[in-house]
Amino acid sequence: MKKRLFNIIFMILIIGNLFFSIKYFSAKVDLTEAQALVSQSVVNVKILDFTSVFIKDVLRANEEVSFETRLKLENMVRSLGDKEILAQWSKFTESKTESSAQEEVKNLLEILVEKVKVQ
């Protein structure tokens, strides 16, 4: 009788451990997915912040962009940590003519929108 009771309790404990193991790994996968979403949301906010400042302080500017603004934008671009955006930013800042700068701005804005949309 004791052996049978022991076997029943043992089986209940094994089933309980299996159940909680499955729940643990399921929760771990969900947590990893949630962390990836949060991380991407942070990047998206940074991209949108940069885009907003760029539009307000560069595209809508009525006079030459100040050194402080250029430095602020440069730091914002670098903090994004995205090589493609940084490369396009460099193309824009190194433009020699107004027409090439306008083309590079279009390319930059397109990349920024795509980065937010894709991710």
Protein backbone atom coordinates (compact mmCIF):
# COMPACT_ATOMS: atom_id res chain seq x y z
CA MET A 1 0.00 0.00 0.00
CA LYS A 2 2.79 2.41 0.93
CA LYS A 3 4.70 1.52 -2.20
CA ARG A 4 1.65 2.19 -4.37
CA LEU A 5 1.00 5.55 -2.63
CA PHE A 6 4.68 6.42 -3.07
CA ASN A 7 4.49 5.56 -6.80
CA ILE A 8 1.35 7.71 -7.25
CA ILE A 9 2.95 10.69 -5.47
CA PHE A 10 6.14 10.17 -7.48
CA MET A 11 4.21 10.15 -10.77
CA ILE A 12 2.30 13.31 -9.76
CA LEU A 13 5.61 15.03 -9.00
CA ILE A 14 7.11 13.97 -12.34
CA ILE A 15 4.04 15.17 -14.24
CA GLY A 16 4.14 18.45 -12.28
CA ASN A 17 7.82 18.92 -13.12
CA LEU A 18 7.15 18.26 -16.81
CA PHE A 19 4.25 20.70 -16.80
CA PHE A 20 6.27 23.47 -15.13
CA SER A 21 9.28 22.78 -17.36
CA ILE A 22 7.14 23.24 -20.45
CA LYS A 23 5.63 26.42 -18.98
CA TYR A 24 9.12 27.74 -18.11
CA PHE A 25 10.50 27.25 -21.61
CA SER A 26 7.36 28.71 -23.15
CA ALA A 27 7.67 31.78 -20.91
CA LYS A 28 11.36 32.06 -21.76
CA VAL A 29 10.58 32.14 -25.49
CA ASP A 30 7.87 34.74 -24.92
CA LEU A 31 10.28 36.86 -22.87
CA THR A 32 12.93 36.71 -25.59
CA GLU A 33 10.38 37.83 -28.18
CA ALA A 34 9.15 40.63 -25.92
CA GLN A 35 12.72 41.83 -25.29
CA ALA A 36 13.35 41.93 -29.04
CA LEU A 37 10.19 43.98 -29.57
CA VAL A 38 11.15 46.41 -26.81
CA SER A 39 14.64 46.76 -28.23
CA GLN A 40 13.25 47.45 -31.69
CA SER A 41 10.79 49.96 -30.26
CA VAL A 42 13.67 51.85 -28.65
CA VAL A 43 15.49 51.96 -32.00
CA ASN A 44 12.31 53.10 -33.76
CA VAL A 45 11.84 55.92 -31.25
CA LYS A 46 15.44 57.04 -31.79
CA ILE A 47 14.96 57.01 -35.56
CA LEU A 48 11.73 58.98 -35.29
CA ASP A 49 13.33 61.47 -32.89
CA PHE A 50 16.21 62.02 -35.29
CA THR A 51 13.84 62.37 -38.24
CA SER A 52 11.72 64.88 -36.38
CA VAL A 53 14.70 67.01 -35.37
CA PHE A 54 16.15 66.76 -38.89
CA ILE A 55 12.92 67.94 -40.49
CA LYS A 56 12.36 70.73 -37.96
CA ASP A 57 15.93 72.04 -37.73
CA VAL A 58 17.26 71.38 -41.26
CA LEU A 59 14.47 71.05 -43.79
CA ARG A 60 12.31 73.79 -42.30
CA ALA A 61 15.21 76.09 -41.42
CA ASN A 62 15.07 79.58 -42.89
CA GLU A 63 18.76 80.23 -42.37
CA GLU A 64 21.98 78.24 -42.35
CA VAL A 65 22.00 75.32 -39.91
CA SER A 66 24.04 76.11 -36.81
CA PHE A 67 27.08 74.16 -35.70
CA GLU A 68 25.26 73.06 -32.53
CA THR A 69 22.39 71.67 -34.59
CA ARG A 70 24.77 69.83 -36.92
CA LEU A 71 26.63 68.39 -33.93
CA LYS A 72 23.35 67.36 -32.27
CA LEU A 73 22.20 65.60 -35.45
CA GLU A 74 25.57 63.92 -35.93
CA ASN A 75 25.42 62.55 -32.38
CA MET A 76 21.85 61.38 -32.88
CA VAL A 77 22.80 59.54 -36.08
CA ARG A 78 25.76 57.87 -34.41
CA SER A 79 23.62 56.81 -31.42
CA LEU A 80 21.32 54.92 -33.80
CA GLY A 81 24.12 52.45 -34.41
CA ASP A 82 22.93 51.75 -37.95
CA LYS A 83 25.69 51.65 -40.57
CA GLU A 84 23.35 52.22 -43.50
CA ILE A 85 21.83 55.36 -41.98
CA LEU A 86 25.26 56.65 -40.97
CA ALA A 87 26.62 56.06 -44.47
CA GLN A 88 23.71 57.93 -46.03
CA TRP A 89 24.13 60.73 -43.49
CA SER A 90 27.78 61.02 -44.51
CA LYS A 91 26.79 61.22 -48.18
CA PHE A 92 24.39 64.03 -47.31
CA THR A 93 26.87 66.00 -45.21
CA GLU A 94 29.60 65.60 -47.81
CA SER A 95 27.42 66.81 -50.71
CA LYS A 96 29.13 69.49 -52.78
CA THR A 97 26.11 70.93 -54.57
CA GLU A 98 22.60 71.81 -53.51
CA SER A 99 21.07 69.38 -55.99
CA SER A 100 23.18 66.46 -54.75
CA ALA A 101 22.34 67.42 -51.15
CA GLN A 102 18.64 67.37 -52.02
CA GLU A 103 19.00 63.93 -53.60
CA GLU A 104 20.89 62.61 -50.57
CA VAL A 105 18.22 64.03 -48.23
CA LYS A 106 15.56 62.12 -50.16
CA ASN A 107 17.64 58.96 -49.88
CA LEU A 108 18.20 59.53 -46.16
CA LEU A 109 14.51 60.06 -45.46
CA GLU A 110 13.63 56.98 -47.49
CA ILE A 111 16.07 54.84 -45.48
CA LEU A 112 14.77 56.23 -42.19
CA VAL A 113 11.17 55.42 -43.11
CA GLU A 114 12.08 51.94 -44.31
CA LYS A 115 14.01 51.19 -41.09
CA VAL A 116 10.98 52.03 -38.99
CA LYS A 117 8.54 50.26 -41.32
CA VAL A 118 10.50 47.02 -41.68
CA GLN A 119 11.35 46.53 -38.08
